[in-house]
N, C-alpha and C. Protein backbone atom coordinates (compact mmCIF):
# COMPACT_ATOMS: atom_id res chain seq x y z
N MET A 1 0.56 -1.40 0.26
CA MET A 1 -0.01 -0.18 -0.13
C MET A 1 0.74 1.39 -0.08
N SER A 2 0.61 2.48 -0.87
CA SER A 2 1.35 3.26 -1.12
C SER A 2 1.03 4.58 0.13
N LYS A 3 2.02 5.41 0.37
CA LYS A 3 2.08 6.30 1.84
C LYS A 3 0.43 6.74 1.75
N PRO A 4 -0.80 7.34 2.32
CA PRO A 4 -1.86 7.25 2.48
C PRO A 4 -1.60 9.06 2.06
N ILE A 5 -2.30 9.69 1.41
CA ILE A 5 -2.12 10.92 1.69
C ILE A 5 -3.64 11.87 1.75
N LEU A 6 -3.40 12.78 3.18
CA LEU A 6 -4.71 13.43 3.54
C LEU A 6 -4.72 14.74 3.01
N SER A 7 -5.78 15.02 2.21
CA SER A 7 -5.38 16.20 1.72
C SER A 7 -7.16 17.36 2.62
N TYR A 8 -6.19 19.04 2.94
CA TYR A 8 -7.72 19.45 3.50
C TYR A 8 -6.99 20.63 3.55
N PHE A 9 -7.67 21.57 3.82
CA PHE A 9 -7.13 23.30 3.85
C PHE A 9 -6.00 23.23 5.27
N ASP A 10 -5.28 24.16 4.92
CA ASP A 10 -4.02 24.57 5.70
C ASP A 10 -4.59 25.23 7.00
N PHE A 11 -5.03 24.41 8.39
CA PHE A 11 -5.43 24.99 9.18
C PHE A 11 -5.92 23.78 10.54
N PRO A 12 -5.40 24.29 11.38
CA PRO A 12 -5.82 23.13 12.43
C PRO A 12 -6.91 22.95 13.13
N GLY A 13 -8.19 22.41 12.74
CA GLY A 13 -9.15 22.48 12.85
C GLY A 13 -10.31 21.63 12.28
N GLY A 14 -11.76 22.08 12.12
CA GLY A 14 -12.69 21.24 10.99
C GLY A 14 -12.81 19.76 10.98
N ARG A 15 -13.10 19.48 9.89
CA ARG A 15 -13.07 18.07 9.64
C ARG A 15 -11.73 16.89 9.01
N GLY A 16 -11.37 17.82 8.58
CA GLY A 16 -9.72 17.43 8.01
C GLY A 16 -8.91 17.20 9.11
N GLU A 17 -9.04 18.03 10.49
CA GLU A 17 -8.15 17.56 11.53
C GLU A 17 -8.59 16.67 12.16
N ASP A 18 -9.93 15.90 12.78
CA ASP A 18 -10.26 15.02 12.79
C ASP A 18 -9.78 13.86 12.13
N CYS A 19 -9.60 13.91 11.01
CA CYS A 19 -8.82 12.78 10.04
C CYS A 19 -7.32 12.54 10.37
N ARG A 20 -6.78 13.77 10.01
CA ARG A 20 -5.27 13.82 10.87
C ARG A 20 -5.16 13.24 11.95
N LEU A 21 -5.83 13.57 13.14
CA LEU A 21 -5.52 12.96 14.51
C LEU A 21 -6.10 11.77 14.30
N ALA A 22 -6.55 10.66 13.67
CA ALA A 22 -7.03 9.29 13.47
C ALA A 22 -6.30 9.14 13.02
N LEU A 23 -5.52 9.23 11.92
CA LEU A 23 -4.40 8.87 11.31
C LEU A 23 -2.97 8.89 12.33
N THR A 24 -2.78 9.70 13.15
CA THR A 24 -1.85 9.79 13.65
C THR A 24 -1.72 9.19 15.03
N ILE A 25 -3.11 8.90 15.76
CA ILE A 25 -3.63 8.35 16.96
C ILE A 25 -3.70 6.40 16.59
N ALA A 26 -3.36 6.31 14.87
CA ALA A 26 -3.56 5.09 14.30
C ALA A 26 -2.09 4.51 14.24
N GLY A 27 -1.27 5.62 14.33
CA GLY A 27 0.32 5.33 13.99
C GLY A 27 0.93 5.05 12.60
N VAL A 28 -0.21 6.01 11.87
CA VAL A 28 0.03 5.66 10.37
C VAL A 28 0.52 7.06 9.72
N ASP A 29 2.16 6.77 8.96
CA ASP A 29 2.29 7.45 8.17
C ASP A 29 2.18 8.45 6.91
N PHE A 30 1.76 9.51 7.15
CA PHE A 30 0.82 9.45 6.19
C PHE A 30 1.28 11.25 5.58
N ASP A 31 0.95 11.58 3.99
CA ASP A 31 1.41 12.74 3.63
C ASP A 31 0.61 13.71 4.14
N ASP A 32 0.88 15.20 4.62
CA ASP A 32 -0.32 15.81 5.16
C ASP A 32 -0.14 16.74 4.44
N ASP A 33 -1.20 16.77 3.23
CA ASP A 33 -1.32 17.46 2.08
C ASP A 33 -2.67 18.92 2.24
N ARG A 34 -1.68 19.75 2.90
CA ARG A 34 -2.31 21.27 3.29
C ARG A 34 -2.77 22.04 2.43
N ILE A 35 -3.80 22.53 2.09
CA ILE A 35 -4.38 23.28 0.77
C ILE A 35 -4.62 24.78 0.93
N ASN A 36 -3.96 25.55 0.60
CA ASN A 36 -4.37 26.94 0.63
C ASN A 36 -5.99 27.46 0.30
N PRO A 37 -6.47 28.09 1.27
CA PRO A 37 -7.81 27.89 0.45
C PRO A 37 -8.02 29.04 -0.63
N LYS A 38 -6.52 29.81 -0.89
CA LYS A 38 -6.84 30.85 -2.15
C LYS A 38 -6.57 30.42 -3.37
N THR A 39 -6.14 28.54 -3.11
CA THR A 39 -5.98 28.06 -4.69
C THR A 39 -6.69 26.59 -4.55
N TRP A 40 -7.46 26.72 -3.85
CA TRP A 40 -8.82 25.56 -3.54
C TRP A 40 -9.38 25.21 -4.95
N SER A 41 -10.11 26.78 -5.72
CA SER A 41 -11.08 26.88 -6.57
C SER A 41 -10.11 25.91 -7.86
N ASP A 42 -8.53 25.71 -7.54
CA ASP A 42 -7.46 24.96 -8.72
C ASP A 42 -7.84 23.31 -8.60
N ARG A 43 -8.16 22.92 -7.17
CA ARG A 43 -8.45 21.34 -7.11
C ARG A 43 -9.60 20.94 -7.49
N LYS A 44 -10.46 21.92 -6.84
CA LYS A 44 -11.95 21.44 -6.57
C LYS A 44 -12.53 20.36 -7.43
N ALA A 45 -12.68 21.00 -8.60
CA ALA A 45 -13.04 19.72 -9.41
C ALA A 45 -12.30 18.06 -9.54
N THR A 46 -10.99 18.32 -8.90
CA THR A 46 -10.53 16.76 -9.07
C THR A 46 -11.36 15.81 -7.76
N THR A 47 -11.37 16.36 -6.60
CA THR A 47 -12.36 16.05 -6.12
C THR A 47 -13.78 14.72 -6.05
N PRO A 48 -13.62 14.09 -5.49
CA PRO A 48 -15.30 13.58 -5.56
C PRO A 48 -16.24 13.76 -5.47
N HIS A 49 -16.03 14.82 -4.78
CA HIS A 49 -17.63 15.27 -4.67
C HIS A 49 -17.22 17.18 -3.98
N GLY A 50 -15.69 17.51 -5.06
CA GLY A 50 -15.87 18.90 -4.74
C GLY A 50 -15.93 19.15 -3.10
N ALA A 51 -15.39 18.61 -2.20
CA ALA A 51 -15.06 19.43 -1.06
C ALA A 51 -14.14 18.31 -0.33
N LEU A 52 -13.74 18.58 0.34
CA LEU A 52 -12.30 18.12 1.76
C LEU A 52 -13.39 17.82 2.82
N PRO A 53 -12.51 16.83 3.75
CA PRO A 53 -11.28 15.87 3.01
C PRO A 53 -11.37 15.37 2.56
N VAL A 54 -9.82 14.77 1.97
CA VAL A 54 -9.69 13.34 0.96
C VAL A 54 -8.59 12.88 1.41
N LEU A 55 -9.04 11.31 1.30
CA LEU A 55 -7.67 10.61 1.82
C LEU A 55 -7.47 9.55 0.00
N THR A 56 -6.42 9.70 0.07
CA THR A 56 -5.81 9.12 -1.27
C THR A 56 -5.05 8.03 -0.83
N ILE A 57 -5.23 6.64 -1.58
CA ILE A 57 -4.22 5.44 -1.05
C ILE A 57 -4.44 4.72 -2.32
N ASP A 58 -3.51 4.48 -3.00
CA ASP A 58 -2.88 3.78 -4.06
C ASP A 58 -3.82 4.36 -5.06
N GLY A 59 -3.44 5.50 -5.45
CA GLY A 59 -4.74 5.66 -6.21
C GLY A 59 -5.72 6.17 -6.29
N ARG A 60 -6.41 5.69 -5.43
CA ARG A 60 -7.76 5.83 -5.44
C ARG A 60 -7.93 7.00 -4.18
N THR A 61 -9.29 7.60 -4.25
CA THR A 61 -9.55 8.57 -3.55
C THR A 61 -11.15 8.48 -2.62
N LEU A 62 -10.80 8.70 -1.28
CA LEU A 62 -12.01 8.79 -0.42
C LEU A 62 -12.38 9.85 -0.19
N ALA A 63 -13.97 10.83 -0.02
CA ALA A 63 -14.24 11.67 0.16
C ALA A 63 -15.17 11.49 1.17
N GLN A 64 -15.40 12.67 2.22
CA GLN A 64 -16.49 12.79 3.40
C GLN A 64 -15.74 12.44 4.76
N SER A 65 -15.90 13.04 5.44
CA SER A 65 -14.80 12.66 6.78
C SER A 65 -15.23 11.75 7.79
N ASN A 66 -16.59 11.43 7.56
CA ASN A 66 -16.90 10.26 8.47
C ASN A 66 -16.43 9.12 7.60
N ALA A 67 -16.57 9.11 6.39
CA ALA A 67 -16.48 7.66 5.41
C ALA A 67 -14.51 7.44 6.20
N ILE A 68 -14.15 8.28 5.66
CA ILE A 68 -12.46 8.60 5.57
C ILE A 68 -12.11 8.17 7.44
N LEU A 69 -13.02 8.65 8.37
CA LEU A 69 -12.90 7.87 9.60
C LEU A 69 -12.87 6.52 10.04
N ALA A 70 -14.44 6.02 9.43
CA ALA A 70 -14.72 5.14 9.57
C ALA A 70 -13.70 4.45 9.19
N PHE A 71 -13.20 4.15 7.71
CA PHE A 71 -12.07 3.13 7.39
C PHE A 71 -10.91 3.53 8.11
N ILE A 72 -10.85 4.51 8.32
CA ILE A 72 -9.15 4.46 9.27
C ILE A 72 -9.66 3.32 10.74
N GLY A 73 -10.79 4.07 11.01
CA GLY A 73 -11.14 2.77 12.68
C GLY A 73 -11.09 1.82 11.96
N ARG A 74 -11.46 1.19 11.13
CA ARG A 74 -11.72 -0.36 11.00
C ARG A 74 -10.42 -1.04 10.84
N HIS A 75 -9.43 -0.55 10.30
CA HIS A 75 -8.37 -0.90 9.88
C HIS A 75 -7.53 -0.98 10.57
N HIS A 76 -7.56 -0.12 11.62
CA HIS A 76 -6.46 0.42 12.79
C HIS A 76 -7.12 0.22 14.25
N ASP A 77 -8.28 -0.50 14.50
CA ASP A 77 -8.52 -0.71 15.79
C ASP A 77 -8.88 -0.02 16.64
N LEU A 78 -9.75 1.23 15.81
CA LEU A 78 -10.18 2.78 16.04
C LEU A 78 -12.04 2.71 15.99
N HIS A 79 -12.49 1.71 16.25
CA HIS A 79 -13.77 1.56 15.33
C HIS A 79 -13.99 0.37 16.03
N PRO A 80 -15.78 0.07 16.68
CA PRO A 80 -16.35 -1.15 17.30
C PRO A 80 -16.23 -2.15 15.88
N THR A 81 -15.89 -3.17 16.76
CA THR A 81 -15.82 -4.33 15.65
C THR A 81 -17.26 -5.31 15.57
N ASP A 82 -17.90 -4.75 16.92
CA ASP A 82 -19.42 -5.39 16.47
C ASP A 82 -19.71 -4.36 15.27
N PRO A 83 -20.94 -5.17 14.72
CA PRO A 83 -21.67 -4.37 13.79
C PRO A 83 -22.71 -3.00 14.21
N TRP A 84 -23.34 -3.78 15.28
CA TRP A 84 -24.24 -2.35 15.90
C TRP A 84 -23.49 -1.50 16.40
N ARG A 85 -22.64 -1.76 17.43
CA ARG A 85 -21.97 -1.32 18.39
C ARG A 85 -21.44 0.25 17.14
N ALA A 86 -20.62 -0.32 15.92
CA ALA A 86 -20.38 0.35 14.97
C ALA A 86 -21.21 1.62 14.03
N ALA A 87 -22.59 0.59 14.18
CA ALA A 87 -23.40 1.47 13.78
C ALA A 87 -24.00 2.55 14.50
N GLU A 88 -23.91 2.37 16.04
CA GLU A 88 -24.44 3.41 16.88
C GLU A 88 -23.17 4.51 16.98
N HIS A 89 -22.34 4.06 16.76
CA HIS A 89 -20.69 5.39 16.59
C HIS A 89 -20.99 6.26 15.41
N GLU A 90 -20.99 5.47 13.86
CA GLU A 90 -21.63 6.31 13.05
C GLU A 90 -22.24 7.22 13.30
N ALA A 91 -23.67 6.68 13.58
CA ALA A 91 -25.02 7.23 14.13
C ALA A 91 -24.58 9.04 14.80
N LEU A 92 -23.61 8.55 15.74
CA LEU A 92 -23.08 9.94 16.31
C LEU A 92 -22.80 10.84 15.76
N MET A 93 -21.38 10.24 14.65
CA MET A 93 -20.78 10.96 14.03
C MET A 93 -21.51 11.88 12.96
N GLU A 94 -22.60 11.68 12.56
CA GLU A 94 -23.76 11.86 11.69
C GLU A 94 -24.28 12.98 13.04
N TYR A 95 -24.37 12.77 13.79
CA TYR A 95 -25.23 14.08 14.99
C TYR A 95 -24.21 14.74 15.20
N VAL A 96 -23.14 14.89 15.18
CA VAL A 96 -21.71 16.01 15.42
C VAL A 96 -21.93 16.95 13.86
N GLU A 97 -22.03 16.15 12.47
CA GLU A 97 -22.30 17.01 11.45
C GLU A 97 -23.66 17.48 11.13
N GLU A 98 -24.75 16.65 11.64
CA GLU A 98 -26.07 17.78 11.94
C GLU A 98 -25.77 18.92 13.48
N LEU A 99 -25.54 18.65 13.97
CA LEU A 99 -24.71 20.06 14.85
C LEU A 99 -24.13 21.22 13.77
N ARG A 100 -23.19 20.77 13.16
CA ARG A 100 -22.75 21.68 12.50
C ARG A 100 -23.71 22.55 11.42
N TYR A 101 -24.46 21.84 10.46
CA TYR A 101 -25.61 21.88 9.68
C TYR A 101 -26.83 23.04 10.45
N LYS A 102 -26.97 22.67 11.76
CA LYS A 102 -27.60 23.01 11.99
C LYS A 102 -26.83 24.69 12.93
N LEU A 103 -26.72 24.76 13.36
CA LEU A 103 -25.63 25.84 13.34
C LEU A 103 -25.49 26.97 12.10
N SER A 104 -24.57 26.51 11.67
CA SER A 104 -25.18 26.66 9.82
C SER A 104 -26.01 27.76 9.56
N ASP A 105 -26.59 26.85 9.49
CA ASP A 105 -28.36 26.92 9.03
C ASP A 105 -29.19 28.33 10.17
N ALA A 106 -28.73 28.67 11.09
CA ALA A 106 -29.35 29.44 12.05
C ALA A 106 -29.07 30.59 11.99
N THR A 107 -27.58 30.55 11.55
CA THR A 107 -27.25 31.87 11.35
C THR A 107 -26.73 32.41 10.19
N VAL A 108 -27.12 31.73 8.69
CA VAL A 108 -26.35 32.17 7.75
C VAL A 108 -27.32 33.38 6.68
N SER A 109 -26.02 34.24 6.65
CA SER A 109 -26.30 35.46 6.23
C SER A 109 -27.53 36.68 7.00
N GLU A 110 -27.17 36.42 8.35
CA GLU A 110 -27.79 37.27 9.07
C GLU A 110 -27.24 38.47 9.48
N PRO A 111 -27.80 39.73 9.73
CA PRO A 111 -26.83 41.07 10.51
C PRO A 111 -26.83 40.32 11.79
N GLU A 112 -25.75 41.36 12.07
CA GLU A 112 -25.08 40.58 13.32
C GLU A 112 -26.01 40.65 14.76
N ASP A 113 -27.10 41.81 14.71
CA ASP A 113 -28.24 41.51 15.76
C ASP A 113 -28.47 39.95 16.09
N ALA A 114 -29.58 39.76 14.32
CA ALA A 114 -29.83 38.92 14.26
C ALA A 114 -29.22 37.38 14.30
N LYS A 115 -28.13 37.58 14.08
CA LYS A 115 -26.99 36.30 14.22
C LYS A 115 -27.03 36.09 16.11
N LYS A 116 -26.81 36.99 16.77
CA LYS A 116 -26.54 36.41 18.26
C LYS A 116 -27.86 36.40 18.77
N THR A 117 -29.35 36.49 18.43
CA THR A 117 -30.17 36.20 19.08
C THR A 117 -30.44 34.36 18.44
N SER A 118 -30.02 34.47 17.13
CA SER A 118 -30.25 32.87 16.78
C SER A 118 -29.63 32.19 17.41
N ARG A 119 -28.15 32.57 17.66
CA ARG A 119 -27.05 31.78 18.92
C ARG A 119 -27.63 31.42 19.72
N GLU A 120 -27.98 32.59 20.36
CA GLU A 120 -28.33 32.32 22.02
C GLU A 120 -29.36 31.41 21.77
N ALA A 121 -30.45 31.42 20.67
CA ALA A 121 -31.82 30.42 20.45
C ALA A 121 -31.28 29.34 20.63
N PHE A 122 -30.29 28.81 19.96
CA PHE A 122 -29.24 27.70 19.27
C PHE A 122 -29.01 26.91 20.78
N ALA A 123 -28.11 27.60 21.26
CA ALA A 123 -27.49 27.32 22.58
C ALA A 123 -28.44 26.67 23.67
N ASN A 124 -29.68 27.67 24.00
CA ASN A 124 -30.61 27.38 24.88
C ASN A 124 -31.87 26.15 24.49
N GLY A 125 -31.44 26.08 23.04
CA GLY A 125 -32.57 24.76 22.49
C GLY A 125 -31.95 23.91 21.85
N TYR A 126 -31.20 23.56 20.72
CA TYR A 126 -31.01 22.40 20.52
C TYR A 126 -29.54 21.87 20.83
N LEU A 127 -28.56 23.24 21.05
CA LEU A 127 -27.62 22.48 21.58
C LEU A 127 -27.73 21.93 23.05
N LYS A 128 -28.73 22.55 24.17
CA LYS A 128 -28.31 21.69 24.96
C LYS A 128 -29.32 20.05 24.56
N LEU A 129 -30.00 20.03 23.96
CA LEU A 129 -30.80 18.48 23.27
C LEU A 129 -28.94 17.40 22.79
N TRP A 130 -28.52 18.39 22.10
CA TRP A 130 -27.64 17.46 21.58
C TRP A 130 -26.29 17.06 22.81
N ALA A 131 -26.08 17.93 23.68
CA ALA A 131 -25.02 17.60 24.23
C ALA A 131 -25.56 17.00 25.53
N SER A 132 -27.03 16.68 25.98
CA SER A 132 -27.40 16.07 26.83
C SER A 132 -27.64 14.42 26.19
N ALA A 133 -27.79 14.43 24.79
CA ALA A 133 -27.93 13.18 24.35
C ALA A 133 -26.38 12.59 24.37
N VAL A 134 -25.88 13.56 23.77
CA VAL A 134 -23.79 12.46 23.67
C VAL A 134 -23.59 11.95 25.24
N GLU A 135 -23.83 13.02 26.24
CA GLU A 135 -23.39 12.71 27.45
C GLU A 135 -23.58 11.66 27.84
N SER A 136 -24.80 11.39 27.66
CA SER A 136 -25.65 10.10 27.51
C SER A 136 -25.08 8.68 27.88
N GLN A 137 -24.51 9.02 26.44
CA GLN A 137 -23.57 7.99 25.73
C GLN A 137 -22.30 7.49 26.09
N ILE A 138 -21.59 8.13 26.85
CA ILE A 138 -20.77 7.96 27.08
C ILE A 138 -20.27 7.50 28.32
N LYS A 139 -19.54 6.05 27.85
CA LYS A 139 -19.21 5.67 29.40
C LYS A 139 -17.84 6.16 30.63
N GLY A 140 -17.38 6.37 29.49
CA GLY A 140 -15.90 7.41 30.28
C GLY A 140 -14.73 6.61 30.39
N PRO A 141 -13.70 6.96 30.19
CA PRO A 141 -13.30 8.98 29.58
C PRO A 141 -13.69 8.90 28.40
N PHE A 142 -13.90 7.68 27.10
CA PHE A 142 -14.32 7.82 26.04
C PHE A 142 -15.84 7.23 25.79
N LEU A 143 -16.23 6.93 24.89
CA LEU A 143 -17.63 6.67 24.56
C LEU A 143 -17.53 5.24 24.99
N ASP A 144 -16.47 4.32 24.65
CA ASP A 144 -16.91 2.61 25.53
C ASP A 144 -15.85 2.63 26.18
N GLY A 145 -15.61 3.33 26.81
CA GLY A 145 -14.30 3.44 28.07
C GLY A 145 -13.07 3.90 27.89
N GLU A 146 -12.15 3.36 27.98
CA GLU A 146 -10.12 3.45 27.78
C GLU A 146 -9.98 3.83 26.28
N GLN A 147 -10.44 2.99 25.36
CA GLN A 147 -10.12 2.90 24.04
C GLN A 147 -11.11 4.17 23.30
N ILE A 148 -9.53 4.90 22.76
CA ILE A 148 -10.22 6.16 21.77
C ILE A 148 -10.52 4.98 20.54
N ASN A 149 -11.79 5.77 19.94
CA ASN A 149 -12.10 5.46 18.41
C ASN A 149 -12.67 6.62 17.97
N VAL A 150 -12.54 6.67 16.38
CA VAL A 150 -13.08 7.90 15.84
C VAL A 150 -14.09 8.48 16.20
N ALA A 151 -14.84 8.08 16.71
CA ALA A 151 -16.24 8.78 17.08
C ALA A 151 -15.77 9.61 18.19
N ASP A 152 -15.02 9.55 19.03
CA ASP A 152 -14.22 10.09 20.28
C ASP A 152 -13.54 11.37 19.88
N ILE A 153 -12.94 11.05 18.24
CA ILE A 153 -12.04 12.40 18.02
C ILE A 153 -13.42 13.32 17.37
N LYS A 154 -14.44 12.89 16.69
CA LYS A 154 -15.13 13.69 16.02
C LYS A 154 -15.58 14.71 16.99
N VAL A 155 -16.18 13.58 17.96
CA VAL A 155 -17.36 14.45 19.27
C VAL A 155 -16.14 15.54 19.80
N ALA A 156 -14.96 15.26 20.29
CA ALA A 156 -14.16 16.14 20.60
C ALA A 156 -13.47 17.45 19.69
N GLY A 157 -13.35 16.97 18.45
CA GLY A 157 -13.47 17.86 17.32
C GLY A 157 -14.04 19.11 17.65
N VAL A 158 -15.55 19.03 17.63
CA VAL A 158 -16.58 19.85 17.64
C VAL A 158 -16.75 20.70 19.08
N VAL A 159 -16.02 19.73 19.87
CA VAL A 159 -16.70 20.51 21.27
C VAL A 159 -15.43 21.41 21.20
N GLY A 160 -13.82 21.07 21.03
CA GLY A 160 -12.48 21.94 20.77
C GLY A 160 -13.32 23.02 20.28
N TRP A 161 -13.49 22.76 19.21
CA TRP A 161 -14.29 24.29 18.31
C TRP A 161 -15.16 25.32 19.57
N PHE A 162 -16.03 25.04 20.21
CA PHE A 162 -16.82 25.31 20.63
C PHE A 162 -16.03 26.27 22.18
N ARG A 163 -15.26 25.28 22.41
CA ARG A 163 -14.32 25.54 23.78
C ARG A 163 -13.25 26.49 23.79
N ARG A 164 -12.70 26.49 21.87
CA ARG A 164 -11.83 27.71 22.08
C ARG A 164 -12.50 28.93 21.84
N GLY A 165 -13.86 29.30 21.90
CA GLY A 165 -14.75 30.58 21.53
C GLY A 165 -14.51 30.83 20.25
N GLY A 166 -14.77 29.26 19.54
CA GLY A 166 -14.49 29.10 17.88
C GLY A 166 -15.98 30.13 17.34
N VAL A 167 -17.19 29.65 18.25
CA VAL A 167 -18.57 30.14 17.61
C VAL A 167 -19.16 31.44 18.41
N ASP A 168 -19.54 32.46 18.10
CA ASP A 168 -19.62 33.49 18.34
C ASP A 168 -20.85 33.47 19.28
N TYR A 169 -21.03 34.30 20.08
CA TYR A 169 -22.15 34.65 21.03
C TYR A 169 -22.62 32.64 21.86
N ILE A 170 -21.64 32.00 21.82
CA ILE A 170 -21.94 30.98 22.58
C ILE A 170 -20.96 30.89 23.84
N ASP A 171 -20.99 30.88 25.00
CA ASP A 171 -20.13 30.56 25.94
C ASP A 171 -18.89 29.63 25.83
N PRO A 172 -17.40 30.24 25.59
CA PRO A 172 -16.67 29.00 25.58
C PRO A 172 -17.03 27.66 26.71
N THR A 173 -17.42 28.26 27.96
CA THR A 173 -17.48 27.22 29.22
C THR A 173 -18.98 26.80 28.85
N TYR A 174 -19.78 26.78 28.15
CA TYR A 174 -21.33 25.99 27.82
C TYR A 174 -21.16 24.59 28.07
N PHE A 175 -19.77 23.79 27.68
CA PHE A 175 -19.95 22.26 27.90
C PHE A 175 -19.57 22.05 29.37
N ASP A 176 -19.23 23.14 30.05
CA ASP A 176 -18.92 22.61 31.31
C ASP A 176 -20.11 22.22 31.99
N ALA A 177 -21.16 21.97 31.88
CA ALA A 177 -22.17 21.41 32.85
C ALA A 177 -22.36 19.72 32.01
N TYR A 178 -21.69 19.70 31.62
CA TYR A 178 -21.36 18.13 30.67
C TYR A 178 -20.06 17.38 31.09
N PRO A 179 -19.65 17.48 31.90
CA PRO A 179 -18.16 16.60 32.82
C PRO A 179 -18.36 15.34 31.78
N LYS A 180 -19.19 14.22 31.19
CA LYS A 180 -18.51 13.34 30.65
C LYS A 180 -18.42 13.92 29.37
N ILE A 181 -18.67 14.72 28.63
CA ILE A 181 -17.88 15.44 27.12
C ILE A 181 -16.45 16.36 27.67
N ILE A 182 -16.48 17.00 28.55
CA ILE A 182 -15.16 17.96 28.72
C ILE A 182 -14.21 16.55 29.28
N ALA A 183 -14.57 15.99 29.85
CA ALA A 183 -13.25 14.84 30.05
C ALA A 183 -13.05 14.01 28.87
N LEU A 184 -13.98 13.76 27.85
CA LEU A 184 -13.74 13.15 26.58
C LEU A 184 -12.70 14.36 25.96
N GLN A 185 -13.34 15.17 25.72
CA GLN A 185 -12.47 15.75 25.02
C GLN A 185 -11.13 16.47 25.71
N GLU A 186 -10.90 16.42 26.89
CA GLU A 186 -9.50 16.79 27.28
C GLU A 186 -8.19 15.38 27.53
N GLY A 187 -9.25 14.22 27.96
CA GLY A 187 -9.18 13.02 27.70
C GLY A 187 -8.08 12.94 25.76
N LEU A 188 -8.58 13.28 24.98
CA LEU A 188 -8.03 12.88 23.52
C LEU A 188 -6.80 13.91 23.37
N LEU A 189 -6.84 15.34 24.54
CA LEU A 189 -5.71 16.20 23.95
C LEU A 189 -4.77 15.73 24.98
N ALA A 190 -5.00 14.93 25.88
CA ALA A 190 -3.83 14.25 26.83
C ALA A 190 -3.15 13.64 26.38
N ASP A 191 -4.44 12.68 25.31
CA ASP A 191 -2.83 11.34 24.30
C ASP A 191 -1.61 11.75 24.22
N PRO A 192 -0.69 10.92 24.27
CA PRO A 192 0.09 11.02 23.95
C PRO A 192 0.45 11.23 22.87
N ARG A 193 0.03 10.49 21.87
CA ARG A 193 0.08 11.02 20.26
C ARG A 193 -0.59 12.37 20.15
N VAL A 194 -1.58 12.63 20.54
CA VAL A 194 -1.81 13.61 19.83
C VAL A 194 -1.07 14.93 20.67
N LYS A 195 -0.56 15.15 22.06
CA LYS A 195 0.28 15.80 22.19
C LYS A 195 1.21 16.12 21.18
N ALA A 196 1.96 15.33 20.86
CA ALA A 196 3.10 15.07 19.92
C ALA A 196 2.91 15.46 18.38
N TRP A 197 1.60 15.33 18.56
CA TRP A 197 1.15 15.81 16.54
C TRP A 197 1.40 17.57 16.98
N TYR A 198 0.93 17.83 18.21
CA TYR A 198 1.02 19.54 18.11
C TYR A 198 1.75 19.96 18.73
N ALA A 199 2.27 19.62 19.18
CA ALA A 199 4.34 19.82 19.51
C ALA A 199 5.26 20.08 18.34
N ALA A 200 4.73 18.83 17.19
CA ALA A 200 5.38 19.10 16.04
C ALA A 200 5.68 20.26 15.10
């Protein structure tokens, strides 16, 4: 098998960063193909769905972050082997995507004052339901106990976005009310492989 190539925008966050971390935790040596957003239009047509991230192995390309994560997980002991439990993890990864879309839909093209109102309503409504549902599925510290899976990486990534203050008008301490989610996210960041990735 050729050295995998993970193509994503040149910043440490988002769906592509989840895939980078999955490969890193799996111990896979990969080419970290970081794309300047200014040159993205030149490459967009070469991707399967006109979107990033894309994983390339042996000349074959795989798009969509959840598909990439599940592929990495299945091949590197980062995804449940039981089909039902694997499907539950995949459902949770879809739930993370739903959160992203709901947040975007709530504020797209709104004036700043309306955006603030929408984000506050989002925090008091959908986000509470989302966080409660995720909290209830975590055994601790990760979804299935001590073992990190790709779904843990996905959850930790989106929660980290909020905690870094990346979402306007939602308090970075919002998830402090959900200790299992906080423990999952902090546990992932404390993993030596993840710490080495960010220290490089």
